[in-house]
Amino acid sequence: MANIKITDLTAYTDAASTDVLPIVDVGADVTKKIAISDIVKAVPQGTAALPGLAFDGDPNTGLFSAGADQVAISTNGTGRLFVDASGNVGVGTASPSVALDVVGQVKASVLFNVNGEGFIRGDTAGQLQIQAGTSGVMFRNNANNTERARIDSSGRLLVGTSSDSGGALLQVNDNRIRIATAKTPSSASDTGTAGEICWDSSYIYVCTATDTWKRAALSTW
C-alpha cells in the first residue's frame, strides 16, 4: 500500500467492537493492537470535578465512581446523583441511607398509581395518603390504616372525621381541643387580629376587631 496521510484516510463511523486500533506500548517500545471493546470497557475512576467519562468541551460534567462498586453523576464539577454498592440512590447526598435519599426539595406533578391513589410513607408512626377526586388529602396511621385527619376538596381541615358538618374550615370530632400556652392581653386595646382566642387562669379572651379584646371571667364549681 502506498504511503498515505492518516488525515487522508476514509472516514469510518460505524466501528464494530471487534475492530482494532494500533497502539504504542511506551514501556516496551513496540506497536500493538487493541480492540474497540477493550478501549471502552474501562475508563478512569475520576472525580466529581474531573469525571472519568466526560463530555467533549465540558470536562467537569459526566460519570465517575465515588468509591468501590459505586457510580455517580456530576455537573459543573459537583456530584449530583449517587448510586451506592447496595443500590441506594442519593440525590444531593453521596451517602444515601435508603432506596431513594433526597437532600433538598422534591416536586412531583403526578404521584398517583392506577387506582388514583398515591402514598408518601414516613416511619412506622405515620403515613400520608393522597387520593384523587373529591377525597382530598388524608393522613393515616400505619399500624391500623386509620384515618386521623383530612384536608377536603374545599380546603377544610377535618380532625377525627372524614366529612364536614357546618362548613367551618377547622372541624374537630372530639370532646375537647387544647391551646397549650396561656396568654394575657395587656389591655382591651392590645395588639390583636379579629378571631384570635387566648386564655389565662382568670379569663377567656376573644379579639373581636383589630386591637380590640373582650373577655369572659372563669369561675370554679
N, C-alpha and C. Protein backbone atom coordinates (compact mmCIF):
# COMPACT_ATOMS: atom_id res chain seq x y z
N MET A 1 0.85 -1.19 0.00
CA MET A 1 0.00 0.00 0.00
C MET A 1 0.89 1.24 0.00
N ALA A 2 0.57 2.18 -0.87
CA ALA A 2 1.35 3.41 -0.96
C ALA A 2 1.22 4.22 0.32
N ASN A 3 2.26 5.04 0.57
CA ASN A 3 2.19 5.90 1.75
C ASN A 3 1.00 6.86 1.62
N ILE A 4 0.30 7.05 2.74
CA ILE A 4 -0.86 7.93 2.74
C ILE A 4 -0.98 8.57 4.12
N LYS A 5 -1.35 9.83 4.15
CA LYS A 5 -1.52 10.52 5.42
C LYS A 5 -2.76 9.97 6.16
N ILE A 6 -2.66 9.93 7.48
CA ILE A 6 -3.80 9.48 8.26
C ILE A 6 -5.00 10.36 8.01
N THR A 7 -4.75 11.66 7.86
CA THR A 7 -5.86 12.60 7.65
C THR A 7 -6.56 12.38 6.31
N ASP A 8 -5.89 11.65 5.41
CA ASP A 8 -6.47 11.39 4.10
C ASP A 8 -7.21 10.06 4.04
N LEU A 9 -7.19 9.30 5.13
CA LEU A 9 -7.89 8.02 5.13
C LEU A 9 -9.40 8.22 5.09
N THR A 10 -10.09 7.22 4.59
CA THR A 10 -11.56 7.27 4.53
C THR A 10 -12.13 7.24 5.93
N ALA A 11 -13.10 8.12 6.18
CA ALA A 11 -13.73 8.17 7.50
C ALA A 11 -14.48 6.88 7.78
N TYR A 12 -14.42 6.43 9.05
CA TYR A 12 -15.06 5.18 9.46
C TYR A 12 -15.93 5.49 10.67
N THR A 13 -17.26 5.49 10.48
CA THR A 13 -18.16 5.96 11.53
C THR A 13 -18.99 4.85 12.17
N ASP A 14 -18.76 3.60 11.75
CA ASP A 14 -19.57 2.51 12.28
C ASP A 14 -18.67 1.37 12.72
N ALA A 15 -17.77 1.67 13.67
CA ALA A 15 -16.80 0.66 14.11
C ALA A 15 -17.49 -0.44 14.92
N ALA A 16 -17.08 -1.69 14.66
CA ALA A 16 -17.57 -2.83 15.45
C ALA A 16 -16.67 -3.02 16.66
N SER A 17 -17.21 -3.70 17.68
CA SER A 17 -16.44 -3.89 18.91
C SER A 17 -15.19 -4.72 18.68
N THR A 18 -15.20 -5.53 17.62
CA THR A 18 -14.03 -6.39 17.34
C THR A 18 -12.99 -5.71 16.46
N ASP A 19 -13.31 -4.54 15.93
CA ASP A 19 -12.32 -3.81 15.14
C ASP A 19 -11.16 -3.39 16.03
N VAL A 20 -9.98 -3.21 15.43
CA VAL A 20 -8.79 -2.91 16.23
C VAL A 20 -8.17 -1.58 15.82
N LEU A 21 -7.41 -1.04 16.75
CA LEU A 21 -6.64 0.17 16.51
C LEU A 21 -5.18 -0.10 16.84
N PRO A 22 -4.26 0.53 16.13
CA PRO A 22 -2.85 0.41 16.52
C PRO A 22 -2.60 1.24 17.77
N ILE A 23 -1.75 0.75 18.63
CA ILE A 23 -1.43 1.46 19.86
C ILE A 23 0.03 1.22 20.19
N VAL A 24 0.69 2.24 20.73
CA VAL A 24 2.10 2.15 21.06
C VAL A 24 2.24 1.81 22.53
N ASP A 25 2.87 0.68 22.83
CA ASP A 25 3.20 0.30 24.21
C ASP A 25 4.50 1.01 24.56
N VAL A 26 4.36 2.16 25.25
CA VAL A 26 5.54 3.00 25.51
C VAL A 26 6.57 2.26 26.34
N GLY A 27 6.11 1.46 27.32
CA GLY A 27 7.06 0.75 28.19
C GLY A 27 7.91 -0.24 27.43
N ALA A 28 7.29 -0.95 26.50
CA ALA A 28 8.03 -1.95 25.73
C ALA A 28 8.57 -1.40 24.41
N ASP A 29 8.16 -0.18 24.07
CA ASP A 29 8.59 0.48 22.84
C ASP A 29 8.24 -0.37 21.61
N VAL A 30 7.00 -0.86 21.61
CA VAL A 30 6.55 -1.63 20.47
C VAL A 30 5.14 -1.20 20.10
N THR A 31 4.77 -1.43 18.86
CA THR A 31 3.43 -1.12 18.41
C THR A 31 2.57 -2.38 18.49
N LYS A 32 1.38 -2.25 19.10
CA LYS A 32 0.47 -3.38 19.24
C LYS A 32 -0.90 -2.98 18.72
N LYS A 33 -1.86 -3.83 18.93
CA LYS A 33 -3.22 -3.51 18.53
C LYS A 33 -4.15 -3.68 19.74
N ILE A 34 -5.27 -2.97 19.70
CA ILE A 34 -6.26 -3.08 20.77
C ILE A 34 -7.65 -3.04 20.15
N ALA A 35 -8.54 -3.87 20.63
CA ALA A 35 -9.89 -3.92 20.11
C ALA A 35 -10.70 -2.74 20.64
N ILE A 36 -11.67 -2.30 19.87
CA ILE A 36 -12.55 -1.21 20.30
C ILE A 36 -13.22 -1.55 21.63
N SER A 37 -13.64 -2.82 21.78
CA SER A 37 -14.32 -3.23 23.02
C SER A 37 -13.43 -3.08 24.24
N ASP A 38 -12.10 -3.27 24.07
CA ASP A 38 -11.19 -3.14 25.21
C ASP A 38 -10.94 -1.68 25.58
N ILE A 39 -11.14 -0.78 24.63
CA ILE A 39 -10.94 0.63 24.92
C ILE A 39 -12.08 1.17 25.77
N VAL A 40 -13.32 0.79 25.42
CA VAL A 40 -14.48 1.40 26.06
C VAL A 40 -14.94 0.66 27.30
N LYS A 41 -14.38 -0.52 27.61
CA LYS A 41 -14.88 -1.28 28.75
C LYS A 41 -14.37 -0.75 30.09
N ALA A 42 -13.34 0.07 30.07
CA ALA A 42 -12.79 0.59 31.32
C ALA A 42 -12.36 2.04 31.12
N VAL A 43 -12.84 2.90 32.02
CA VAL A 43 -12.44 4.30 32.00
C VAL A 43 -11.89 4.65 33.37
N PRO A 44 -11.15 5.72 33.51
CA PRO A 44 -10.63 6.10 34.82
C PRO A 44 -11.77 6.33 35.83
N GLN A 45 -11.49 6.12 37.11
CA GLN A 45 -12.49 6.31 38.16
C GLN A 45 -12.97 7.76 38.19
N GLY A 46 -12.05 8.69 38.08
CA GLY A 46 -12.39 10.10 38.01
C GLY A 46 -12.87 10.68 39.33
N THR A 47 -13.22 11.93 39.28
CA THR A 47 -13.76 12.65 40.44
C THR A 47 -14.94 13.49 39.97
N ALA A 48 -15.60 14.11 40.94
CA ALA A 48 -16.72 14.98 40.57
C ALA A 48 -16.24 16.12 39.68
N ALA A 49 -15.06 16.64 39.98
CA ALA A 49 -14.53 17.77 39.21
C ALA A 49 -14.01 17.33 37.85
N LEU A 50 -13.47 16.10 37.78
CA LEU A 50 -12.94 15.57 36.52
C LEU A 50 -13.42 14.13 36.37
N PRO A 51 -14.68 13.95 35.97
CA PRO A 51 -15.22 12.58 35.85
C PRO A 51 -14.47 11.76 34.82
N GLY A 52 -14.43 10.44 35.07
CA GLY A 52 -13.71 9.55 34.17
C GLY A 52 -14.31 9.48 32.79
N LEU A 53 -15.62 9.68 32.70
CA LEU A 53 -16.30 9.71 31.41
C LEU A 53 -17.01 11.05 31.30
N ALA A 54 -16.43 11.96 30.53
CA ALA A 54 -16.94 13.33 30.45
C ALA A 54 -17.32 13.65 29.00
N PHE A 55 -17.79 14.87 28.82
CA PHE A 55 -18.23 15.31 27.51
C PHE A 55 -17.17 16.21 26.87
N ASP A 56 -17.06 16.10 25.57
CA ASP A 56 -16.11 16.91 24.83
C ASP A 56 -16.41 18.39 25.04
N GLY A 57 -15.44 19.13 25.52
CA GLY A 57 -15.61 20.55 25.77
C GLY A 57 -16.26 20.86 27.11
N ASP A 58 -16.60 19.83 27.88
CA ASP A 58 -17.24 20.03 29.19
C ASP A 58 -16.68 19.00 30.16
N PRO A 59 -15.40 19.10 30.51
CA PRO A 59 -14.71 18.03 31.25
C PRO A 59 -15.15 17.86 32.70
N ASN A 60 -15.92 18.82 33.26
CA ASN A 60 -16.34 18.68 34.65
C ASN A 60 -17.77 18.18 34.79
N THR A 61 -18.29 17.60 33.73
CA THR A 61 -19.65 17.06 33.74
C THR A 61 -19.63 15.67 33.12
N GLY A 62 -20.10 14.67 33.89
CA GLY A 62 -20.10 13.31 33.35
C GLY A 62 -20.27 12.27 34.42
N LEU A 63 -19.69 11.09 34.18
CA LEU A 63 -19.84 9.92 35.02
C LEU A 63 -18.53 9.63 35.74
N PHE A 64 -18.62 9.34 37.04
CA PHE A 64 -17.41 8.97 37.78
C PHE A 64 -17.79 7.97 38.87
N SER A 65 -16.78 7.40 39.52
CA SER A 65 -17.02 6.48 40.62
C SER A 65 -16.61 7.14 41.92
N ALA A 66 -17.57 7.18 42.88
CA ALA A 66 -17.29 7.79 44.18
C ALA A 66 -16.63 6.82 45.14
N GLY A 67 -16.45 5.57 44.74
CA GLY A 67 -15.82 4.55 45.58
C GLY A 67 -16.08 3.19 44.98
N ALA A 68 -15.61 2.14 45.67
CA ALA A 68 -15.78 0.79 45.15
C ALA A 68 -17.26 0.46 44.96
N ASP A 69 -17.58 -0.09 43.80
CA ASP A 69 -18.95 -0.53 43.48
C ASP A 69 -19.95 0.62 43.52
N GLN A 70 -19.52 1.83 43.24
CA GLN A 70 -20.39 2.98 43.25
C GLN A 70 -20.27 3.73 41.92
N VAL A 71 -21.36 4.40 41.55
CA VAL A 71 -21.35 5.21 40.34
C VAL A 71 -22.05 6.53 40.65
N ALA A 72 -21.60 7.60 40.03
CA ALA A 72 -22.14 8.92 40.32
C ALA A 72 -22.12 9.78 39.06
N ILE A 73 -22.95 10.81 39.09
CA ILE A 73 -23.02 11.78 38.00
C ILE A 73 -22.72 13.16 38.56
N SER A 74 -21.88 13.88 37.88
CA SER A 74 -21.57 15.25 38.30
C SER A 74 -21.93 16.22 37.19
N THR A 75 -22.30 17.44 37.58
CA THR A 75 -22.47 18.54 36.65
C THR A 75 -21.76 19.74 37.22
N ASN A 76 -21.10 20.48 36.37
CA ASN A 76 -20.36 21.67 36.78
C ASN A 76 -19.39 21.37 37.92
N GLY A 77 -18.80 20.16 37.91
CA GLY A 77 -17.77 19.81 38.87
C GLY A 77 -18.28 19.38 40.23
N THR A 78 -19.60 19.20 40.39
CA THR A 78 -20.18 18.81 41.68
C THR A 78 -21.00 17.55 41.52
N GLY A 79 -20.79 16.57 42.43
CA GLY A 79 -21.57 15.35 42.39
C GLY A 79 -23.03 15.63 42.67
N ARG A 80 -23.92 15.12 41.83
CA ARG A 80 -25.35 15.39 41.96
C ARG A 80 -26.16 14.13 42.29
N LEU A 81 -25.84 13.01 41.63
CA LEU A 81 -26.61 11.79 41.81
C LEU A 81 -25.64 10.64 42.07
N PHE A 82 -25.96 9.82 43.09
CA PHE A 82 -25.06 8.75 43.51
C PHE A 82 -25.83 7.44 43.66
N VAL A 83 -25.24 6.35 43.22
CA VAL A 83 -25.78 5.02 43.45
C VAL A 83 -24.70 4.24 44.20
N ASP A 84 -25.03 3.79 45.44
CA ASP A 84 -24.01 3.13 46.24
C ASP A 84 -23.97 1.63 45.96
N ALA A 85 -23.11 0.91 46.69
CA ALA A 85 -22.91 -0.51 46.45
C ALA A 85 -24.14 -1.34 46.76
N SER A 86 -25.06 -0.81 47.57
CA SER A 86 -26.29 -1.53 47.91
C SER A 86 -27.44 -1.19 46.98
N GLY A 87 -27.21 -0.30 46.02
CA GLY A 87 -28.26 0.10 45.10
C GLY A 87 -29.06 1.29 45.58
N ASN A 88 -28.72 1.85 46.74
CA ASN A 88 -29.40 3.06 47.21
C ASN A 88 -29.03 4.24 46.34
N VAL A 89 -30.00 5.07 46.04
CA VAL A 89 -29.79 6.24 45.17
C VAL A 89 -29.85 7.50 46.02
N GLY A 90 -28.84 8.33 45.90
CA GLY A 90 -28.79 9.59 46.63
C GLY A 90 -28.82 10.76 45.65
N VAL A 91 -29.73 11.68 45.89
CA VAL A 91 -29.79 12.91 45.11
C VAL A 91 -29.37 14.04 46.03
N GLY A 92 -28.24 14.64 45.75
CA GLY A 92 -27.72 15.68 46.63
C GLY A 92 -26.98 15.14 47.83
N THR A 93 -26.82 13.83 47.94
CA THR A 93 -26.06 13.21 49.02
C THR A 93 -25.27 12.03 48.48
N ALA A 94 -24.01 11.92 48.89
CA ALA A 94 -23.17 10.83 48.44
C ALA A 94 -23.31 9.61 49.33
N SER A 95 -24.11 9.70 50.41
CA SER A 95 -24.27 8.60 51.35
C SER A 95 -25.75 8.31 51.57
N PRO A 96 -26.46 7.81 50.57
CA PRO A 96 -27.88 7.51 50.74
C PRO A 96 -28.09 6.39 51.74
N SER A 97 -29.07 6.55 52.64
CA SER A 97 -29.32 5.56 53.68
C SER A 97 -30.54 4.70 53.39
N VAL A 98 -31.31 5.07 52.37
CA VAL A 98 -32.49 4.31 51.97
C VAL A 98 -32.49 4.19 50.45
N ALA A 99 -33.51 3.49 49.92
CA ALA A 99 -33.54 3.23 48.48
C ALA A 99 -33.47 4.51 47.66
N LEU A 100 -34.16 5.57 48.10
CA LEU A 100 -34.07 6.88 47.46
C LEU A 100 -33.94 7.93 48.54
N ASP A 101 -32.79 8.58 48.61
CA ASP A 101 -32.49 9.56 49.65
C ASP A 101 -32.24 10.90 48.97
N VAL A 102 -33.14 11.85 49.19
CA VAL A 102 -33.07 13.14 48.53
C VAL A 102 -32.77 14.22 49.56
N VAL A 103 -31.74 14.99 49.34
CA VAL A 103 -31.43 16.15 50.19
C VAL A 103 -31.81 17.39 49.39
N GLY A 104 -32.87 18.05 49.83
CA GLY A 104 -33.38 19.20 49.10
C GLY A 104 -34.86 19.03 48.84
N GLN A 105 -35.45 19.97 48.16
CA GLN A 105 -36.87 19.94 47.88
C GLN A 105 -37.19 18.97 46.75
N VAL A 106 -38.38 18.39 46.82
CA VAL A 106 -38.85 17.46 45.80
C VAL A 106 -40.16 17.98 45.23
N LYS A 107 -40.29 17.99 43.93
CA LYS A 107 -41.52 18.44 43.28
C LYS A 107 -41.99 17.35 42.33
N ALA A 108 -43.28 16.98 42.44
CA ALA A 108 -43.85 15.98 41.55
C ALA A 108 -45.16 16.50 41.01
N SER A 109 -45.33 16.46 39.70
CA SER A 109 -46.59 16.89 39.12
C SER A 109 -47.65 15.80 39.25
N VAL A 110 -47.23 14.53 39.28
CA VAL A 110 -48.14 13.41 39.44
C VAL A 110 -47.50 12.39 40.37
N LEU A 111 -48.23 11.96 41.36
CA LEU A 111 -47.73 10.94 42.28
C LEU A 111 -48.88 9.99 42.62
N PHE A 112 -49.42 9.36 41.58
CA PHE A 112 -50.59 8.51 41.76
C PHE A 112 -50.39 7.19 41.03
N ASN A 113 -51.02 6.14 41.57
CA ASN A 113 -51.00 4.87 40.89
C ASN A 113 -52.25 4.73 40.04
N VAL A 114 -52.46 3.57 39.45
CA VAL A 114 -53.56 3.39 38.52
C VAL A 114 -54.92 3.47 39.22
N ASN A 115 -54.93 3.32 40.54
CA ASN A 115 -56.18 3.41 41.29
C ASN A 115 -56.49 4.83 41.74
N GLY A 116 -55.70 5.79 41.30
CA GLY A 116 -55.94 7.17 41.69
C GLY A 116 -55.47 7.48 43.09
N GLU A 117 -54.56 6.68 43.63
CA GLU A 117 -54.05 6.91 44.96
C GLU A 117 -52.53 6.98 44.91
N GLY A 118 -51.97 7.71 45.87
CA GLY A 118 -50.53 7.78 46.00
C GLY A 118 -50.15 7.79 47.45
N PHE A 119 -48.94 7.35 47.76
CA PHE A 119 -48.51 7.26 49.14
C PHE A 119 -47.13 7.89 49.30
N ILE A 120 -47.00 8.69 50.34
CA ILE A 120 -45.69 9.15 50.79
C ILE A 120 -45.51 8.58 52.18
N ARG A 121 -44.64 7.63 52.34
CA ARG A 121 -44.51 6.93 53.61
C ARG A 121 -43.39 7.54 54.45
N GLY A 122 -43.68 7.71 55.74
CA GLY A 122 -42.66 8.13 56.68
C GLY A 122 -42.17 6.92 57.45
N ASP A 123 -41.92 7.09 58.75
CA ASP A 123 -41.53 5.94 59.55
C ASP A 123 -42.78 5.16 59.94
N THR A 124 -42.63 4.20 60.88
CA THR A 124 -43.75 3.35 61.24
C THR A 124 -44.83 4.08 62.01
N ALA A 125 -44.57 5.32 62.41
CA ALA A 125 -45.56 6.07 63.18
C ALA A 125 -46.59 6.77 62.32
N GLY A 126 -46.34 6.94 61.05
CA GLY A 126 -47.31 7.68 60.25
C GLY A 126 -47.15 7.50 58.77
N GLN A 127 -48.20 7.82 58.05
CA GLN A 127 -48.20 7.68 56.60
C GLN A 127 -49.13 8.74 56.03
N LEU A 128 -48.69 9.37 54.97
CA LEU A 128 -49.52 10.35 54.28
C LEU A 128 -50.09 9.70 53.03
N GLN A 129 -51.41 9.60 52.95
CA GLN A 129 -52.06 9.04 51.77
C GLN A 129 -52.75 10.15 51.01
N ILE A 130 -52.46 10.25 49.74
CA ILE A 130 -53.06 11.27 48.89
C ILE A 130 -54.00 10.58 47.91
N GLN A 131 -55.25 10.99 47.89
CA GLN A 131 -56.21 10.41 46.98
C GLN A 131 -56.74 11.46 46.01
N ALA A 132 -57.01 11.02 44.78
CA ALA A 132 -57.52 11.93 43.76
C ALA A 132 -59.01 12.16 43.95
N GLY A 133 -59.57 13.05 43.14
CA GLY A 133 -61.00 13.29 43.17
C GLY A 133 -61.42 14.16 44.33
N THR A 134 -62.58 13.86 44.89
CA THR A 134 -63.15 14.71 45.94
C THR A 134 -62.68 14.31 47.33
N SER A 135 -61.85 13.30 47.45
CA SER A 135 -61.45 12.81 48.78
C SER A 135 -60.51 13.75 49.49
N GLY A 136 -59.72 14.51 48.76
CA GLY A 136 -58.76 15.42 49.38
C GLY A 136 -57.49 14.71 49.81
N VAL A 137 -56.86 15.26 50.85
CA VAL A 137 -55.61 14.73 51.39
C VAL A 137 -55.89 14.10 52.74
N MET A 138 -55.52 12.83 52.90
CA MET A 138 -55.81 12.12 54.13
C MET A 138 -54.53 11.71 54.83
N PHE A 139 -54.53 11.82 56.14
CA PHE A 139 -53.42 11.38 56.98
C PHE A 139 -53.86 10.10 57.70
N ARG A 140 -53.12 9.01 57.47
CA ARG A 140 -53.50 7.74 58.06
C ARG A 140 -52.40 7.23 58.99
N ASN A 141 -52.76 6.27 59.82
CA ASN A 141 -51.84 5.64 60.75
C ASN A 141 -51.36 4.33 60.18
N ASN A 142 -50.05 4.12 60.15
CA ASN A 142 -49.51 2.91 59.54
C ASN A 142 -49.97 1.63 60.24
N ALA A 143 -50.07 1.69 61.56
CA ALA A 143 -50.33 0.47 62.32
C ALA A 143 -51.66 -0.18 61.95
N ASN A 144 -52.72 0.63 61.83
CA ASN A 144 -54.03 0.06 61.53
C ASN A 144 -54.74 0.76 60.38
N ASN A 145 -54.01 1.62 59.67
CA ASN A 145 -54.55 2.32 58.49
C ASN A 145 -55.77 3.16 58.82
N THR A 146 -55.83 3.69 60.05
CA THR A 146 -56.96 4.51 60.47
C THR A 146 -56.73 5.97 60.08
N GLU A 147 -57.71 6.57 59.45
CA GLU A 147 -57.60 7.98 59.08
C GLU A 147 -57.65 8.86 60.33
N ARG A 148 -56.71 9.79 60.44
CA ARG A 148 -56.63 10.67 61.60
C ARG A 148 -57.04 12.09 61.27
N ALA A 149 -56.76 12.54 60.06
CA ALA A 149 -57.11 13.91 59.66
C ALA A 149 -57.24 13.96 58.16
N ARG A 150 -57.92 15.01 57.68
CA ARG A 150 -58.15 15.15 56.25
C ARG A 150 -58.26 16.63 55.89
N ILE A 151 -57.70 17.00 54.76
CA ILE A 151 -57.98 18.30 54.14
C ILE A 151 -58.85 18.00 52.93
N ASP A 152 -60.12 18.41 52.99
CA ASP A 152 -61.04 18.03 51.93
C ASP A 152 -60.89 18.93 50.72
N SER A 153 -61.70 18.68 49.70
CA SER A 153 -61.56 19.38 48.43
C SER A 153 -61.91 20.86 48.54
N SER A 154 -62.57 21.26 49.64
CA SER A 154 -62.89 22.67 49.86
C SER A 154 -61.87 23.37 50.76
N GLY A 155 -60.81 22.65 51.13
CA GLY A 155 -59.76 23.24 51.96
C GLY A 155 -60.05 23.18 53.44
N ARG A 156 -61.08 22.45 53.87
CA ARG A 156 -61.40 22.33 55.29
C ARG A 156 -60.49 21.29 55.94
N LEU A 157 -59.98 21.60 57.13
CA LEU A 157 -59.18 20.66 57.90
C LEU A 157 -60.11 19.92 58.85
N LEU A 158 -60.22 18.62 58.64
CA LEU A 158 -61.12 17.78 59.43
C LEU A 158 -60.26 16.86 60.29
N VAL A 159 -60.40 16.97 61.61
CA VAL A 159 -59.61 16.16 62.53
C VAL A 159 -60.54 15.16 63.20
N GLY A 160 -60.24 13.87 63.04
CA GLY A 160 -61.07 12.83 63.65
C GLY A 160 -62.35 12.56 62.90
N THR A 161 -62.50 13.08 61.70
CA THR A 161 -63.68 12.85 60.88
C THR A 161 -63.32 12.97 59.43
N SER A 162 -64.07 12.29 58.56
CA SER A 162 -63.80 12.35 57.12
C SER A 162 -64.82 13.19 56.37
N SER A 163 -65.80 13.75 57.09
CA SER A 163 -66.82 14.58 56.42
C SER A 163 -67.11 15.80 57.28
N ASP A 164 -67.40 16.92 56.61
CA ASP A 164 -67.65 18.16 57.34
C ASP A 164 -69.10 18.24 57.78
N SER A 165 -69.34 19.03 58.81
CA SER A 165 -70.70 19.35 59.24
C SER A 165 -70.69 20.80 59.69
N GLY A 166 -71.36 21.67 58.96
CA GLY A 166 -71.40 23.07 59.32
C GLY A 166 -70.55 23.96 58.45
N GLY A 167 -69.56 23.40 57.75
CA GLY A 167 -68.79 24.17 56.78
C GLY A 167 -67.61 24.93 57.33
N ALA A 168 -67.30 24.84 58.65
CA ALA A 168 -66.15 25.57 59.20
C ALA A 168 -64.85 25.02 58.61
N LEU A 169 -63.83 25.89 58.46
CA LEU A 169 -62.56 25.46 57.90
C LEU A 169 -61.82 24.50 58.81
N LEU A 170 -62.06 24.59 60.13
CA LEU A 170 -61.45 23.67 61.08
C LEU A 170 -62.56 22.96 61.85
N GLN A 171 -62.57 21.64 61.76
CA GLN A 171 -63.57 20.86 62.48
C GLN A 171 -62.86 19.73 63.22
N VAL A 172 -63.15 19.63 64.52
CA VAL A 172 -62.53 18.62 65.36
C VAL A 172 -63.62 17.72 65.92
N ASN A 173 -63.55 16.44 65.58
CA ASN A 173 -64.55 15.49 66.03
C ASN A 173 -64.06 14.83 67.32
N ASP A 174 -64.15 15.61 68.43
CA ASP A 174 -63.73 15.12 69.74
C ASP A 174 -64.43 15.97 70.78
N ASN A 175 -64.24 15.66 72.05
CA ASN A 175 -64.96 16.41 73.09
C ASN A 175 -64.14 17.55 73.69
N ARG A 176 -62.97 17.86 73.11
CA ARG A 176 -62.20 19.00 73.60
C ARG A 176 -61.07 19.32 72.62
N ILE A 177 -60.60 20.58 72.66
CA ILE A 177 -59.40 21.00 71.96
C ILE A 177 -58.52 21.70 72.99
N ARG A 178 -57.27 21.89 72.69
CA ARG A 178 -56.34 22.46 73.66
C ARG A 178 -55.48 23.54 73.04
N ILE A 179 -55.42 24.70 73.71
CA ILE A 179 -54.42 25.73 73.43
C ILE A 179 -53.45 25.65 74.59
N ALA A 180 -52.27 25.16 74.36
CA ALA A 180 -51.40 24.73 75.45
C ALA A 180 -50.80 25.88 76.27
N THR A 181 -50.61 27.05 75.66
CA THR A 181 -49.90 28.13 76.35
C THR A 181 -50.84 29.27 76.67
N ALA A 182 -50.79 29.72 77.94
CA ALA A 182 -51.63 30.85 78.36
C ALA A 182 -51.11 32.17 77.79
N LYS A 183 -52.03 33.09 77.55
CA LYS A 183 -51.66 34.43 77.08
C LYS A 183 -52.65 35.42 77.67
N THR A 184 -52.13 36.52 78.22
CA THR A 184 -52.97 37.57 78.79
C THR A 184 -52.74 38.86 78.02
N PRO A 185 -53.71 39.34 77.24
CA PRO A 185 -53.56 40.64 76.58
C PRO A 185 -53.31 41.72 77.62
N SER A 186 -52.44 42.66 77.31
CA SER A 186 -52.08 43.69 78.29
C SER A 186 -53.23 44.64 78.58
N SER A 187 -54.15 44.79 77.65
CA SER A 187 -55.30 45.66 77.83
C SER A 187 -56.34 45.30 76.78
N ALA A 188 -57.50 45.94 76.85
CA ALA A 188 -58.56 45.70 75.87
C ALA A 188 -58.18 46.18 74.48
N SER A 189 -57.14 47.01 74.38
CA SER A 189 -56.68 47.52 73.08
C SER A 189 -55.32 46.96 72.69
N ASP A 190 -54.95 45.86 73.30
CA ASP A 190 -53.68 45.23 72.96
C ASP A 190 -53.70 44.78 71.50
N THR A 191 -52.51 44.59 70.92
CA THR A 191 -52.40 44.17 69.53
C THR A 191 -53.10 42.83 69.33
N GLY A 192 -53.93 42.76 68.29
CA GLY A 192 -54.62 41.51 68.00
C GLY A 192 -55.36 41.59 66.69
N THR A 193 -55.72 40.41 66.16
CA THR A 193 -56.48 40.31 64.92
C THR A 193 -57.80 39.63 65.23
N ALA A 194 -58.86 40.13 64.64
CA ALA A 194 -60.19 39.60 64.91
C ALA A 194 -60.23 38.08 64.76
N GLY A 195 -60.79 37.42 65.77
CA GLY A 195 -60.90 35.97 65.74
C GLY A 195 -59.90 35.26 66.62
N GLU A 196 -58.85 35.94 67.11
CA GLU A 196 -57.89 35.30 67.99
C GLU A 196 -58.53 35.00 69.35
N ILE A 197 -58.16 33.87 69.91
CA ILE A 197 -58.68 33.45 71.20
C ILE A 197 -57.50 33.04 72.07
N CYS A 198 -57.50 33.46 73.33
CA CYS A 198 -56.47 33.05 74.27
C CYS A 198 -57.07 32.95 75.66
N TRP A 199 -56.25 32.54 76.61
CA TRP A 199 -56.76 32.32 77.96
C TRP A 199 -55.67 32.51 78.99
N ASP A 200 -56.08 32.75 80.22
CA ASP A 200 -55.19 32.64 81.37
C ASP A 200 -56.01 32.03 82.50
N SER A 201 -55.53 32.07 83.70
CA SER A 201 -56.20 31.38 84.81
C SER A 201 -57.51 32.06 85.22
N SER A 202 -57.76 33.30 84.76
CA SER A 202 -58.95 34.02 85.20
C SER A 202 -59.96 34.29 84.09
N TYR A 203 -59.50 34.38 82.83
CA TYR A 203 -60.39 34.81 81.76
C TYR A 203 -60.15 34.03 80.46
N ILE A 204 -61.14 34.02 79.61
CA ILE A 204 -61.01 33.68 78.19
C ILE A 204 -61.11 35.00 77.43
N TYR A 205 -60.16 35.24 76.53
CA TYR A 205 -60.10 36.49 75.78
C TYR A 205 -60.42 36.22 74.31
N VAL A 206 -61.20 37.09 73.70
CA VAL A 206 -61.51 37.00 72.28
C VAL A 206 -61.26 38.35 71.64
N CYS A 207 -60.49 38.35 70.55
CA CYS A 207 -60.26 39.59 69.80
C CYS A 207 -61.41 39.74 68.81
N THR A 208 -62.26 40.75 69.02
CA THR A 208 -63.46 40.91 68.21
C THR A 208 -63.27 41.84 67.02
N ALA A 209 -62.21 42.62 67.03
CA ALA A 209 -61.84 43.50 65.92
C ALA A 209 -60.35 43.82 66.08
N THR A 210 -59.78 44.48 65.10
CA THR A 210 -58.36 44.79 65.19
C THR A 210 -58.04 45.53 66.48
N ASP A 211 -57.12 44.96 67.27
CA ASP A 211 -56.66 45.55 68.53
C ASP A 211 -57.83 45.82 69.49
N THR A 212 -58.81 44.97 69.47
CA THR A 212 -59.98 45.11 70.36
C THR A 212 -60.29 43.77 70.99
N TRP A 213 -60.11 43.68 72.33
CA TRP A 213 -60.30 42.43 73.04
C TRP A 213 -61.49 42.53 73.99
N LYS A 214 -62.19 41.39 74.13
CA LYS A 214 -63.20 41.25 75.17
C LYS A 214 -62.88 39.98 75.94
N ARG A 215 -63.40 39.90 77.17
CA ARG A 215 -63.05 38.75 77.99
C ARG A 215 -64.26 38.26 78.78
N ALA A 216 -64.22 36.99 79.13
CA ALA A 216 -65.25 36.41 79.99
C ALA A 216 -64.55 35.76 81.18
N ALA A 217 -65.07 36.04 82.37
CA ALA A 217 -64.45 35.54 83.59
C ALA A 217 -64.68 34.04 83.74
N LEU A 218 -63.71 33.37 84.36
CA LEU A 218 -63.81 31.95 84.65
C LEU A 218 -64.08 31.77 86.13
N SER A 219 -64.86 30.78 86.46
CA SER A 219 -65.15 30.52 87.88
C SER A 219 -65.13 29.01 88.11
N THR A 220 -64.90 28.62 89.34
CA THR A 220 -64.88 27.21 89.69
C THR A 220 -66.29 26.73 90.07
N TRP A 221 -66.51 25.46 90.11
CA TRP A 221 -67.79 24.92 90.58
C TRP A 221 -67.56 23.59 91.26
